[in-house]
Amino acid sequence: KLNEPRLVNLPSESLQIAAMKLSRWQQLAQNLRKISSNLGKSIDL
């Protein structure tokens, strides 16, 4: 399971969009580390 990260409230819409994209990368990295460890597999791509 992977949902969208929580919405970040910033005064500028463009910064808010960028913050959301950054959060997606951070969340994905954290999740893949856990999954890779639990499955004992290295993810190639």
PDB file of all heavy atoms in Angstrom:
ATOM      1  N   LYS A   1       0.826  -1.200   0.000  1.00  0.00           N
ATOM      2  CA  LYS A   1       0.000   0.000   0.000  1.00  0.00           C
ATOM      3  C   LYS A   1       0.864   1.255   0.000  1.00  0.00           C
ATOM      4  O   LYS A   1       1.833   1.359   0.756  1.00  0.00           O
ATOM      5  CB  LYS A   1      -0.932   0.018   1.208  1.00  0.00           C
ATOM      6  CG  LYS A   1      -2.035   1.084   1.127  1.00  0.00           C
ATOM      7  CD  LYS A   1      -3.036   0.912   2.247  1.00  0.00           C
ATOM      8  CE  LYS A   1      -4.224   1.850   2.092  1.00  0.00           C
ATOM      9  NZ  LYS A   1      -5.046   1.547   0.902  1.00  0.00           N
ATOM     10  N   LEU A   2       0.511   2.193  -0.854  1.00  0.00           N
ATOM     11  CA  LEU A   2       1.177   3.492  -0.902  1.00  0.00           C
ATOM     12  C   LEU A   2       0.167   4.541  -1.332  1.00  0.00           C
ATOM     13  O   LEU A   2      -0.362   4.485  -2.442  1.00  0.00           O
ATOM     14  CB  LEU A   2       2.356   3.479  -1.881  1.00  0.00           C
ATOM     15  CG  LEU A   2       3.184   4.761  -1.927  1.00  0.00           C
ATOM     16  CD1 LEU A   2       3.990   4.934  -0.640  1.00  0.00           C
ATOM     17  CD2 LEU A   2       4.118   4.777  -3.132  1.00  0.00           C
ATOM     18  N   ASN A   3      -0.136   5.472  -0.444  1.00  0.00           N
ATOM     19  CA  ASN A   3      -1.034   6.574  -0.752  1.00  0.00           C
ATOM     20  C   ASN A   3      -0.243   7.862  -0.949  1.00  0.00           C
ATOM     21  O   ASN A   3       0.975   7.897  -0.730  1.00  0.00           O
ATOM     22  CB  ASN A   3      -2.054   6.757   0.369  1.00  0.00           C
ATOM     23  CG  ASN A   3      -3.049   5.615   0.438  1.00  0.00           C
ATOM     24  OD1 ASN A   3      -3.553   5.164  -0.596  1.00  0.00           O
ATOM     25  ND2 ASN A   3      -3.332   5.132   1.633  1.00  0.00           N
ATOM     26  N   GLU A   4      -0.936   8.901  -1.336  1.00  0.00           N
ATOM     27  CA  GLU A   4      -0.304  10.210  -1.450  1.00  0.00           C
ATOM     28  C   GLU A   4       0.168  10.680  -0.071  1.00  0.00           C
ATOM     29  O   GLU A   4      -0.513  10.434   0.948  1.00  0.00           O
ATOM     30  CB  GLU A   4      -1.302  11.229  -1.999  1.00  0.00           C
ATOM     31  CG  GLU A   4      -1.524  11.129  -3.503  1.00  0.00           C
ATOM     32  CD  GLU A   4      -0.449  11.835  -4.284  1.00  0.00           C
ATOM     33  OE1 GLU A   4       0.714  11.385  -4.225  1.00  0.00           O
ATOM     34  OE2 GLU A   4      -0.754  12.828  -4.950  1.00  0.00           O
ATOM     35  N   PRO A   5       1.318  11.370  -0.006  1.00  0.00           N
ATOM     36  CA  PRO A   5       1.740  11.969   1.266  1.00  0.00           C
ATOM     37  C   PRO A   5       0.743  13.041   1.701  1.00  0.00           C
ATOM     38  O   PRO A   5      -0.081  13.498   0.899  1.00  0.00           O
ATOM     39  CB  PRO A   5       3.110  12.599   0.942  1.00  0.00           C
ATOM     40  CG  PRO A   5       3.515  12.021  -0.366  1.00  0.00           C
ATOM     41  CD  PRO A   5       2.267  11.658  -1.088  1.00  0.00           C
ATOM     42  N   ARG A   6       0.831  13.450   2.943  1.00  0.00           N
ATOM     43  CA  ARG A   6      -0.042  14.528   3.411  1.00  0.00           C
ATOM     44  C   ARG A   6       0.272  15.821   2.662  1.00  0.00           C
ATOM     45  O   ARG A   6       1.426  16.127   2.393  1.00  0.00           O
ATOM     46  CB  ARG A   6       0.161  14.749   4.911  1.00  0.00           C
ATOM     47  CG  ARG A   6      -0.431  13.648   5.778  1.00  0.00           C
ATOM     48  CD  ARG A   6      -0.302  14.014   7.244  1.00  0.00           C
ATOM     49  NE  ARG A   6      -0.893  12.994   8.098  1.00  0.00           N
ATOM     50  CZ  ARG A   6      -0.949  13.081   9.426  1.00  0.00           C
ATOM     51  NH1 ARG A   6      -0.432  14.138  10.046  1.00  0.00           N
ATOM     52  NH2 ARG A   6      -1.510  12.114  10.130  1.00  0.00           N
ATOM     53  N   LEU A   7      -0.786  16.563   2.365  1.00  0.00           N
ATOM     54  CA  LEU A   7      -0.625  17.819   1.643  1.00  0.00           C
ATOM     55  C   LEU A   7       0.090  18.850   2.510  1.00  0.00           C
ATOM     56  O   LEU A   7      -0.270  19.048   3.673  1.00  0.00           O
ATOM     57  CB  LEU A   7      -1.993  18.350   1.216  1.00  0.00           C
ATOM     58  CG  LEU A   7      -2.001  19.580   0.313  1.00  0.00           C
ATOM     59  CD1 LEU A   7      -1.373  19.249  -1.037  1.00  0.00           C
ATOM     60  CD2 LEU A   7      -3.434  20.060   0.100  1.00  0.00           C
ATOM     61  N   VAL A   8       1.082  19.487   1.924  1.00  0.00           N
ATOM     62  CA  VAL A   8       1.831  20.527   2.629  1.00  0.00           C
ATOM     63  C   VAL A   8       1.202  21.877   2.323  1.00  0.00           C
ATOM     64  O   VAL A   8       0.931  22.210   1.166  1.00  0.00           O
ATOM     65  CB  VAL A   8       3.312  20.525   2.184  1.00  0.00           C
ATOM     66  CG1 VAL A   8       4.077  21.631   2.881  1.00  0.00           C
ATOM     67  CG2 VAL A   8       3.947  19.171   2.459  1.00  0.00           C
ATOM     68  N   ASN A   9       0.922  22.665   3.354  1.00  0.00           N
ATOM     69  CA  ASN A   9       0.310  23.988   3.160  1.00  0.00           C
ATOM     70  C   ASN A   9       1.388  25.072   3.138  1.00  0.00           C
ATOM     71  O   ASN A   9       2.025  25.357   4.150  1.00  0.00           O
ATOM     72  CB  ASN A   9      -0.693  24.275   4.277  1.00  0.00           C
ATOM     73  CG  ASN A   9      -1.918  23.373   4.172  1.00  0.00           C
ATOM     74  OD1 ASN A   9      -2.459  23.194   3.089  1.00  0.00           O
ATOM     75  ND2 ASN A   9      -2.336  22.797   5.287  1.00  0.00           N
ATOM     76  N   LEU A  10       1.574  25.644   1.966  1.00  0.00           N
ATOM     77  CA  LEU A  10       2.546  26.721   1.785  1.00  0.00           C
ATOM     78  C   LEU A  10       1.845  27.898   1.105  1.00  0.00           C
ATOM     79  O   LEU A  10       0.844  27.715   0.395  1.00  0.00           O
ATOM     80  CB  LEU A  10       3.725  26.234   0.937  1.00  0.00           C
ATOM     81  CG  LEU A  10       4.613  25.153   1.580  1.00  0.00           C
ATOM     82  CD1 LEU A  10       5.616  24.630   0.580  1.00  0.00           C
ATOM     83  CD2 LEU A  10       5.329  25.702   2.801  1.00  0.00           C
ATOM     84  N   PRO A  11       2.351  29.102   1.280  1.00  0.00           N
ATOM     85  CA  PRO A  11       1.679  30.287   0.722  1.00  0.00           C
ATOM     86  C   PRO A  11       1.666  30.329  -0.799  1.00  0.00           C
ATOM     87  O   PRO A  11       0.778  30.921  -1.401  1.00  0.00           O
ATOM     88  CB  PRO A  11       2.490  31.466   1.302  1.00  0.00           C
ATOM     89  CG  PRO A  11       3.805  30.870   1.689  1.00  0.00           C
ATOM     90  CD  PRO A  11       3.524  29.464   2.102  1.00  0.00           C
ATOM     91  N   SER A  12       2.648  29.712  -1.436  1.00  0.00           N
ATOM     92  CA  SER A  12       2.735  29.717  -2.893  1.00  0.00           C
ATOM     93  C   SER A  12       2.302  28.362  -3.449  1.00  0.00           C
ATOM     94  O   SER A  12       2.749  27.313  -2.973  1.00  0.00           O
ATOM     95  CB  SER A  12       4.175  30.023  -3.330  1.00  0.00           C
ATOM     96  OG  SER A  12       4.392  29.657  -4.669  1.00  0.00           O
ATOM     97  N   GLU A  13       1.430  28.391  -4.459  1.00  0.00           N
ATOM     98  CA  GLU A  13       0.961  27.135  -5.058  1.00  0.00           C
ATOM     99  C   GLU A  13       2.106  26.361  -5.691  1.00  0.00           C
ATOM    100  O   GLU A  13       2.192  25.135  -5.572  1.00  0.00           O
ATOM    101  CB  GLU A  13      -0.110  27.428  -6.110  1.00  0.00           C
ATOM    102  CG  GLU A  13      -0.679  26.155  -6.735  1.00  0.00           C
ATOM    103  CD  GLU A  13      -1.708  26.435  -7.817  1.00  0.00           C
ATOM    104  OE1 GLU A  13      -1.949  27.627  -8.097  1.00  0.00           O
ATOM    105  OE2 GLU A  13      -2.255  25.471  -8.370  1.00  0.00           O
ATOM    106  N   SER A  14       3.020  27.072  -6.367  1.00  0.00           N
ATOM    107  CA  SER A  14       4.139  26.385  -7.017  1.00  0.00           C
ATOM    108  C   SER A  14       5.054  25.718  -6.000  1.00  0.00           C
ATOM    109  O   SER A  14       5.546  24.603  -6.221  1.00  0.00           O
ATOM    110  CB  SER A  14       4.942  27.372  -7.874  1.00  0.00           C
ATOM    111  OG  SER A  14       5.493  28.407  -7.082  1.00  0.00           O
ATOM    112  N   LEU A  15       5.273  26.393  -4.862  1.00  0.00           N
ATOM    113  CA  LEU A  15       6.094  25.781  -3.814  1.00  0.00           C
ATOM    114  C   LEU A  15       5.379  24.595  -3.175  1.00  0.00           C
ATOM    115  O   LEU A  15       6.002  23.599  -2.810  1.00  0.00           O
ATOM    116  CB  LEU A  15       6.451  26.823  -2.751  1.00  0.00           C
ATOM    117  CG  LEU A  15       7.471  27.882  -3.157  1.00  0.00           C
ATOM    118  CD1 LEU A  15       7.644  28.902  -2.041  1.00  0.00           C
ATOM    119  CD2 LEU A  15       8.813  27.240  -3.511  1.00  0.00           C
ATOM    120  N   GLN A  16       4.072  24.700  -3.050  1.00  0.00           N
ATOM    121  CA  GLN A  16       3.292  23.612  -2.463  1.00  0.00           C
ATOM    122  C   GLN A  16       3.351  22.371  -3.355  1.00  0.00           C
ATOM    123  O   GLN A  16       3.489  21.250  -2.869  1.00  0.00           O
ATOM    124  CB  GLN A  16       1.840  24.050  -2.264  1.00  0.00           C
ATOM    125  CG  GLN A  16       0.992  23.024  -1.530  1.00  0.00           C
ATOM    126  CD  GLN A  16      -0.298  23.633  -1.014  1.00  0.00           C
ATOM    127  OE1 GLN A  16      -0.286  24.707  -0.424  1.00  0.00           O
ATOM    128  NE2 GLN A  16      -1.400  22.943  -1.229  1.00  0.00           N
ATOM    129  N   ILE A  17       3.245  22.589  -4.665  1.00  0.00           N
ATOM    130  CA  ILE A  17       3.352  21.472  -5.612  1.00  0.00           C
ATOM    131  C   ILE A  17       4.723  20.825  -5.524  1.00  0.00           C
ATOM    132  O   ILE A  17       4.855  19.598  -5.503  1.00  0.00           O
ATOM    133  CB  ILE A  17       3.073  21.965  -7.050  1.00  0.00           C
ATOM    134  CG1 ILE A  17       1.599  22.360  -7.196  1.00  0.00           C
ATOM    135  CG2 ILE A  17       3.436  20.898  -8.073  1.00  0.00           C
ATOM    136  CD1 ILE A  17       1.281  23.048  -8.501  1.00  0.00           C
ATOM    137  N   ALA A  18       5.768  21.670  -5.469  1.00  0.00           N
ATOM    138  CA  ALA A  18       7.136  21.153  -5.364  1.00  0.00           C
ATOM    139  C   ALA A  18       7.338  20.377  -4.063  1.00  0.00           C
ATOM    140  O   ALA A  18       7.979  19.320  -4.045  1.00  0.00           O
ATOM    141  CB  ALA A  18       8.140  22.294  -5.464  1.00  0.00           C
ATOM    142  N   ALA A  19       6.785  20.902  -2.968  1.00  0.00           N
ATOM    143  CA  ALA A  19       6.908  20.222  -1.678  1.00  0.00           C
ATOM    144  C   ALA A  19       6.232  18.862  -1.720  1.00  0.00           C
ATOM    145  O   ALA A  19       6.723  17.885  -1.135  1.00  0.00           O
ATOM    146  CB  ALA A  19       6.305  21.088  -0.575  1.00  0.00           C
ATOM    147  N   MET A  20       5.115  18.782  -2.417  1.00  0.00           N
ATOM    148  CA  MET A  20       4.402  17.507  -2.552  1.00  0.00           C
ATOM    149  C   MET A  20       5.229  16.503  -3.350  1.00  0.00           C
ATOM    150  O   MET A  20       5.332  15.322  -2.996  1.00  0.00           O
ATOM    151  CB  MET A  20       3.062  17.748  -3.237  1.00  0.00           C
ATOM    152  CG  MET A  20       2.130  16.554  -3.205  1.00  0.00           C
ATOM    153  SD  MET A  20       1.652  16.126  -1.516  1.00  0.00           S
ATOM    154  CE  MET A  20       0.317  14.971  -1.845  1.00  0.00           C
ATOM    155  N   LYS A  21       5.845  16.964  -4.417  1.00  0.00           N
ATOM    156  CA  LYS A  21       6.696  16.085  -5.221  1.00  0.00           C
ATOM    157  C   LYS A  21       7.883  15.588  -4.403  1.00  0.00           C
ATOM    158  O   LYS A  21       8.245  14.399  -4.449  1.00  0.00           O
ATOM    159  CB  LYS A  21       7.180  16.815  -6.481  1.00  0.00           C
ATOM    160  CG  LYS A  21       6.082  17.139  -7.489  1.00  0.00           C
ATOM    161  CD  LYS A  21       6.644  17.907  -8.671  1.00  0.00           C
ATOM    162  CE  LYS A  21       5.549  18.424  -9.602  1.00  0.00           C
ATOM    163  NZ  LYS A  21       4.879  17.379 -10.360  1.00  0.00           N
ATOM    164  N   LEU A  22       8.493  16.484  -3.654  1.00  0.00           N
ATOM    165  CA  LEU A  22       9.617  16.106  -2.805  1.00  0.00           C
ATOM    166  C   LEU A  22       9.182  15.070  -1.765  1.00  0.00           C
ATOM    167  O   LEU A  22       9.894  14.089  -1.510  1.00  0.00           O
ATOM    168  CB  LEU A  22      10.182  17.349  -2.111  1.00  0.00           C
ATOM    169  CG  LEU A  22      11.422  17.149  -1.240  1.00  0.00           C
ATOM    170  CD1 LEU A  22      12.601  16.650  -2.071  1.00  0.00           C
ATOM    171  CD2 LEU A  22      11.788  18.459  -0.537  1.00  0.00           C
ATOM    172  N   SER A  23       7.994  15.276  -1.199  1.00  0.00           N
ATOM    173  CA  SER A  23       7.469  14.328  -0.214  1.00  0.00           C
ATOM    174  C   SER A  23       7.254  12.953  -0.827  1.00  0.00           C
ATOM    175  O   SER A  23       7.474  11.928  -0.169  1.00  0.00           O
ATOM    176  CB  SER A  23       6.147  14.843   0.365  1.00  0.00           C
ATOM    177  OG  SER A  23       6.339  16.022   1.096  1.00  0.00           O
ATOM    178  N   ARG A  24       6.835  12.934  -2.084  1.00  0.00           N
ATOM    179  CA  ARG A  24       6.646  11.637  -2.757  1.00  0.00           C
ATOM    180  C   ARG A  24       7.967  10.882  -2.869  1.00  0.00           C
ATOM    181  O   ARG A  24       8.021   9.669  -2.650  1.00  0.00           O
ATOM    182  CB  ARG A  24       6.037  11.844  -4.150  1.00  0.00           C
ATOM    183  CG  ARG A  24       4.600  12.352  -4.133  1.00  0.00           C
ATOM    184  CD  ARG A  24       4.005  12.343  -5.534  1.00  0.00           C
ATOM    185  NE  ARG A  24       2.662  12.926  -5.535  1.00  0.00           N
ATOM    186  CZ  ARG A  24       2.339  14.077  -6.085  1.00  0.00           C
ATOM    187  NH1 ARG A  24       3.268  14.817  -6.706  1.00  0.00           N
ATOM    188  NH2 ARG A  24       1.107  14.527  -6.056  1.00  0.00           N
ATOM    189  N   TRP A  25       9.033  11.607  -3.239  1.00  0.00           N
ATOM    190  CA  TRP A  25      10.351  10.962  -3.332  1.00  0.00           C
ATOM    191  C   TRP A  25      10.800  10.436  -1.957  1.00  0.00           C
ATOM    192  O   TRP A  25      11.303   9.318  -1.845  1.00  0.00           O
ATOM    193  CB  TRP A  25      11.381  11.953  -3.866  1.00  0.00           C
ATOM    194  CG  TRP A  25      11.348  12.175  -5.345  1.00  0.00           C
ATOM    195  CD1 TRP A  25      10.915  13.290  -6.008  1.00  0.00           C
ATOM    196  CD2 TRP A  25      11.766  11.252  -6.369  1.00  0.00           C
ATOM    197  NE1 TRP A  25      11.040  13.123  -7.366  1.00  0.00           N
ATOM    198  CE2 TRP A  25      11.569  11.892  -7.616  1.00  0.00           C
ATOM    199  CE3 TRP A  25      12.302   9.968  -6.344  1.00  0.00           C
ATOM    200  CZ2 TRP A  25      11.876  11.271  -8.831  1.00  0.00           C
ATOM    201  CZ3 TRP A  25      12.611   9.338  -7.560  1.00  0.00           C
ATOM    202  CH2 TRP A  25      12.402   9.996  -8.774  1.00  0.00           C
ATOM    203  N   GLN A  26      10.626  11.251  -0.947  1.00  0.00           N
ATOM    204  CA  GLN A  26      11.045  10.842   0.402  1.00  0.00           C
ATOM    205  C   GLN A  26      10.261   9.626   0.882  1.00  0.00           C
ATOM    206  O   GLN A  26      10.829   8.665   1.410  1.00  0.00           O
ATOM    207  CB  GLN A  26      10.856  12.012   1.382  1.00  0.00           C
ATOM    208  CG  GLN A  26      11.807  13.173   1.131  1.00  0.00           C
ATOM    209  CD  GLN A  26      11.464  14.410   1.952  1.00  0.00           C
ATOM    210  OE1 GLN A  26      10.288  14.698   2.204  1.00  0.00           O
ATOM    211  NE2 GLN A  26      12.474  15.150   2.376  1.00  0.00           N
ATOM    212  N   GLN A  27       8.962   9.679   0.701  1.00  0.00           N
ATOM    213  CA  GLN A  27       8.102   8.567   1.122  1.00  0.00           C
ATOM    214  C   GLN A  27       8.454   7.290   0.368  1.00  0.00           C
ATOM    215  O   GLN A  27       8.516   6.197   0.945  1.00  0.00           O
ATOM    216  CB  GLN A  27       6.636   8.926   0.866  1.00  0.00           C
ATOM    217  CG  GLN A  27       5.655   7.802   1.133  1.00  0.00           C
ATOM    218  CD  GLN A  27       4.235   8.205   0.816  1.00  0.00           C
ATOM    219  OE1 GLN A  27       3.484   8.577   1.696  1.00  0.00           O
ATOM    220  NE2 GLN A  27       3.846   8.148  -0.449  1.00  0.00           N
ATOM    221  N   LEU A  28       8.694   7.421  -0.947  1.00  0.00           N
ATOM    222  CA  LEU A  28       9.029   6.256  -1.761  1.00  0.00           C
ATOM    223  C   LEU A  28      10.344   5.628  -1.309  1.00  0.00           C
ATOM    224  O   LEU A  28      10.446   4.397  -1.193  1.00  0.00           O
ATOM    225  CB  LEU A  28       9.113   6.669  -3.232  1.00  0.00           C
ATOM    226  CG  LEU A  28       9.462   5.567  -4.228  1.00  0.00           C
ATOM    227  CD1 LEU A  28       8.455   4.429  -4.154  1.00  0.00           C
ATOM    228  CD2 LEU A  28       9.524   6.137  -5.650  1.00  0.00           C
ATOM    229  N   ALA A  29      11.335   6.455  -1.044  1.00  0.00           N
ATOM    230  CA  ALA A  29      12.631   5.944  -0.589  1.00  0.00           C
ATOM    231  C   ALA A  29      12.483   5.165   0.716  1.00  0.00           C
ATOM    232  O   ALA A  29      13.043   4.059   0.870  1.00  0.00           O
ATOM    233  CB  ALA A  29      13.613   7.096  -0.409  1.00  0.00           C
ATOM    234  N   GLN A  30      11.719   5.708   1.655  1.00  0.00           N
ATOM    235  CA  GLN A  30      11.511   5.034   2.939  1.00  0.00           C
ATOM    236  C   GLN A  30      10.798   3.696   2.761  1.00  0.00           C
ATOM    237  O   GLN A  30      11.188   2.685   3.358  1.00  0.00           O
ATOM    238  CB  GLN A  30      10.693   5.938   3.869  1.00  0.00           C
ATOM    239  CG  GLN A  30      11.428   7.203   4.309  1.00  0.00           C
ATOM    240  CD  GLN A  30      10.495   8.221   4.950  1.00  0.00           C
ATOM    241  OE1 GLN A  30       9.287   7.992   5.088  1.00  0.00           O
ATOM    242  NE2 GLN A  30      11.044   9.382   5.328  1.00  0.00           N
ATOM    243  N   ASN A  31       9.769   3.698   1.947  1.00  0.00           N
ATOM    244  CA  ASN A  31       8.999   2.469   1.736  1.00  0.00           C
ATOM    245  C   ASN A  31       9.815   1.392   1.040  1.00  0.00           C
ATOM    246  O   ASN A  31       9.753   0.216   1.408  1.00  0.00           O
ATOM    247  CB  ASN A  31       7.726   2.775   0.944  1.00  0.00           C
ATOM    248  CG  ASN A  31       6.601   3.286   1.798  1.00  0.00           C
ATOM    249  OD1 ASN A  31       5.752   2.537   2.265  1.00  0.00           O
ATOM    250  ND2 ASN A  31       6.585   4.591   2.018  1.00  0.00           N
ATOM    251  N   LEU A  32      10.570   1.782   0.027  1.00  0.00           N
ATOM    252  CA  LEU A  32      11.359   0.794  -0.706  1.00  0.00           C
ATOM    253  C   LEU A  32      12.478   0.204   0.146  1.00  0.00           C
ATOM    254  O   LEU A  32      12.822  -0.976   0.004  1.00  0.00           O
ATOM    255  CB  LEU A  32      11.920   1.402  -1.991  1.00  0.00           C
ATOM    256  CG  LEU A  32      10.891   1.637  -3.108  1.00  0.00           C
ATOM    257  CD1 LEU A  32      11.571   2.214  -4.346  1.00  0.00           C
ATOM    258  CD2 LEU A  32      10.169   0.341  -3.467  1.00  0.00           C
ATOM    259  N   ARG A  33      13.035   1.011   1.028  1.00  0.00           N
ATOM    260  CA  ARG A  33      14.060   0.466   1.942  1.00  0.00           C
ATOM    261  C   ARG A  33      13.465  -0.639   2.814  1.00  0.00           C
ATOM    262  O   ARG A  33      14.067  -1.699   2.996  1.00  0.00           O
ATOM    263  CB  ARG A  33      14.649   1.582   2.811  1.00  0.00           C
ATOM    264  CG  ARG A  33      15.730   2.404   2.142  1.00  0.00           C
ATOM    265  CD  ARG A  33      16.536   3.212   3.142  1.00  0.00           C
ATOM    266  NE  ARG A  33      15.725   4.214   3.811  1.00  0.00           N
ATOM    267  CZ  ARG A  33      15.571   5.455   3.369  1.00  0.00           C
ATOM    268  NH1 ARG A  33      16.161   5.839   2.246  1.00  0.00           N
ATOM    269  NH2 ARG A  33      14.830   6.323   4.043  1.00  0.00           N
ATOM    270  N   LYS A  34      12.277  -0.378   3.356  1.00  0.00           N
ATOM    271  CA  LYS A  34      11.617  -1.373   4.209  1.00  0.00           C
ATOM    272  C   LYS A  34      11.259  -2.633   3.419  1.00  0.00           C
ATOM    273  O   LYS A  34      11.488  -3.760   3.870  1.00  0.00           O
ATOM    274  CB  LYS A  34      10.351  -0.776   4.829  1.00  0.00           C
ATOM    275  CG  LYS A  34      10.602   0.325   5.844  1.00  0.00           C
ATOM    276  CD  LYS A  34       9.281   0.906   6.346  1.00  0.00           C
ATOM    277  CE  LYS A  34       9.509   2.067   7.295  1.00  0.00           C
ATOM    278  NZ  LYS A  34       8.212   2.698   7.726  1.00  0.00           N
ATOM    279  N   ILE A  35      10.705  -2.425   2.245  1.00  0.00           N
ATOM    280  CA  ILE A  35      10.278  -3.561   1.418  1.00  0.00           C
ATOM    281  C   ILE A  35      11.473  -4.400   0.991  1.00  0.00           C
ATOM    282  O   ILE A  35      11.448  -5.636   1.062  1.00  0.00           O
ATOM    283  CB  ILE A  35       9.495  -3.056   0.193  1.00  0.00           C
ATOM    284  CG1 ILE A  35       8.157  -2.468   0.646  1.00  0.00           C
ATOM    285  CG2 ILE A  35       9.279  -4.176  -0.818  1.00  0.00           C
ATOM    286  CD1 ILE A  35       7.426  -1.702  -0.439  1.00  0.00           C
ATOM    287  N   SER A  36      12.520  -3.740   0.556  1.00  0.00           N
ATOM    288  CA  SER A  36      13.729  -4.441   0.136  1.00  0.00           C
ATOM    289  C   SER A  36      14.304  -5.273   1.274  1.00  0.00           C
ATOM    290  O   SER A  36      14.710  -6.429   1.097  1.00  0.00           O
ATOM    291  CB  SER A  36      14.767  -3.432  -0.372  1.00  0.00           C
ATOM    292  OG  SER A  36      15.928  -4.084  -0.812  1.00  0.00           O
ATOM    293  N   SER A  37      14.299  -4.685   2.474  1.00  0.00           N
ATOM    294  CA  SER A  37      14.813  -5.403   3.653  1.00  0.00           C
ATOM    295  C   SER A  37      13.932  -6.586   4.011  1.00  0.00           C
ATOM    296  O   SER A  37      14.420  -7.690   4.274  1.00  0.00           O
ATOM    297  CB  SER A  37      14.903  -4.431   4.840  1.00  0.00           C
ATOM    298  OG  SER A  37      15.306  -5.103   6.009  1.00  0.00           O
ATOM    299  N   ASN A  38      12.606  -6.377   3.989  1.00  0.00           N
ATOM    300  CA  ASN A  38      11.683  -7.449   4.365  1.00  0.00           C
ATOM    301  C   ASN A  38      11.693  -8.610   3.376  1.00  0.00           C
ATOM    302  O   ASN A  38      11.578  -9.778   3.771  1.00  0.00           O
ATOM    303  CB  ASN A  38      10.254  -6.895   4.479  1.00  0.00           C
ATOM    304  CG  ASN A  38      10.099  -5.965   5.672  1.00  0.00           C
ATOM    305  OD1 ASN A  38      10.886  -6.012   6.614  1.00  0.00           O
ATOM    306  ND2 ASN A  38       9.075  -5.113   5.635  1.00  0.00           N
ATOM    307  N   LEU A  39      11.827  -8.278   2.077  1.00  0.00           N
ATOM    308  CA  LEU A  39      11.840  -9.332   1.060  1.00  0.00           C
ATOM    309  C   LEU A  39      13.227  -9.922   0.848  1.00  0.00           C
ATOM    310  O   LEU A  39      13.357 -10.994   0.238  1.00  0.00           O
ATOM    311  CB  LEU A  39      11.325  -8.776  -0.281  1.00  0.00           C
ATOM    312  CG  LEU A  39       9.863  -8.319  -0.339  1.00  0.00           C
ATOM    313  CD1 LEU A  39       9.550  -7.762  -1.726  1.00  0.00           C
ATOM    314  CD2 LEU A  39       8.917  -9.469  -0.021  1.00  0.00           C
ATOM    315  N   GLY A  40      14.242  -9.229   1.360  1.00  0.00           N
ATOM    316  CA  GLY A  40      15.612  -9.684   1.141  1.00  0.00           C
ATOM    317  C   GLY A  40      16.017  -9.577  -0.312  1.00  0.00           C
ATOM    318  O   GLY A  40      16.759 -10.426  -0.821  1.00  0.00           O
ATOM    319  N   LYS A  41      15.524  -8.547  -0.985  1.00  0.00           N
ATOM    320  CA  LYS A  41      15.802  -8.376  -2.413  1.00  0.00           C
ATOM    321  C   LYS A  41      16.330  -6.978  -2.700  1.00  0.00           C
ATOM    322  O   LYS A  41      15.866  -6.007  -2.117  1.00  0.00           O
ATOM    323  CB  LYS A  41      14.529  -8.600  -3.241  1.00  0.00           C
ATOM    324  CG  LYS A  41      13.975 -10.011  -3.150  1.00  0.00           C
ATOM    325  CD  LYS A  41      12.744 -10.157  -4.011  1.00  0.00           C
ATOM    326  CE  LYS A  41      12.170 -11.566  -3.867  1.00  0.00           C
ATOM    327  NZ  LYS A  41      13.136 -12.589  -4.356  1.00  0.00           N
ATOM    328  N   SER A  42      17.262  -6.901  -3.614  1.00  0.00           N
ATOM    329  CA  SER A  42      17.756  -5.613  -4.095  1.00  0.00           C
ATOM    330  C   SER A  42      16.923  -5.204  -5.303  1.00  0.00           C
ATOM    331  O   SER A  42      16.702  -6.004  -6.225  1.00  0.00           O
ATOM    332  CB  SER A  42      19.232  -5.734  -4.483  1.00  0.00           C
ATOM    333  OG  SER A  42      19.696  -4.546  -5.069  1.00  0.00           O
ATOM    334  N   ILE A  43      16.420  -3.976  -5.304  1.00  0.00           N
ATOM    335  CA  ILE A  43      15.579  -3.499  -6.398  1.00  0.00           C
ATOM    336  C   ILE A  43      16.452  -2.900  -7.491  1.00  0.00           C
ATOM    337  O   ILE A  43      17.227  -1.981  -7.255  1.00  0.00           O
ATOM    338  CB  ILE A  43      14.561  -2.474  -5.881  1.00  0.00           C
ATOM    339  CG1 ILE A  43      13.624  -3.146  -4.862  1.00  0.00           C
ATOM    340  CG2 ILE A  43      13.748  -1.871  -7.030  1.00  0.00           C
ATOM    341  CD1 ILE A  43      12.736  -2.191  -4.114  1.00  0.00           C
ATOM    342  N   ASP A  44      16.330  -3.456  -8.700  1.00  0.00           N
ATOM    343  CA  ASP A  44      17.178  -3.015  -9.812  1.00  0.00           C
ATOM    344  C   ASP A  44      16.702  -1.719 -10.449  1.00  0.00           C
ATOM    345  O   ASP A  44      17.496  -0.932 -10.948  1.00  0.00           O
ATOM    346  CB  ASP A  44      17.222  -4.105 -10.896  1.00  0.00           C
ATOM    347  CG  ASP A  44      17.816  -5.402 -10.383  1.00  0.00           C
ATOM    348  OD1 ASP A  44      19.018  -5.402 -10.043  1.00  0.00           O
ATOM    349  OD2 ASP A  44      17.081  -6.401 -10.311  1.00  0.00           O
ATOM    350  N   LEU A  45      15.382  -1.516 -10.450  1.00  0.00           N
ATOM    351  CA  LEU A  45      14.820  -0.345 -11.123  1.00  0.00           C
ATOM    352  C   LEU A  45      13.491   0.021 -10.486  1.00  0.00           C
ATOM    353  O   LEU A  45      12.665  -0.845 -10.206  1.00  0.00           O
ATOM    354  CB  LEU A  45      14.613  -0.632 -12.612  1.00  0.00           C
ATOM    355  CG  LEU A  45      13.724   0.337 -13.403  1.00  0.00           C
ATOM    356  CD1 LEU A  45      14.357   1.721 -13.470  1.00  0.00           C
ATOM    357  CD2 LEU A  45      13.445  -0.195 -14.804  1.00  0.00           C
TER     358      LEU A  45
END
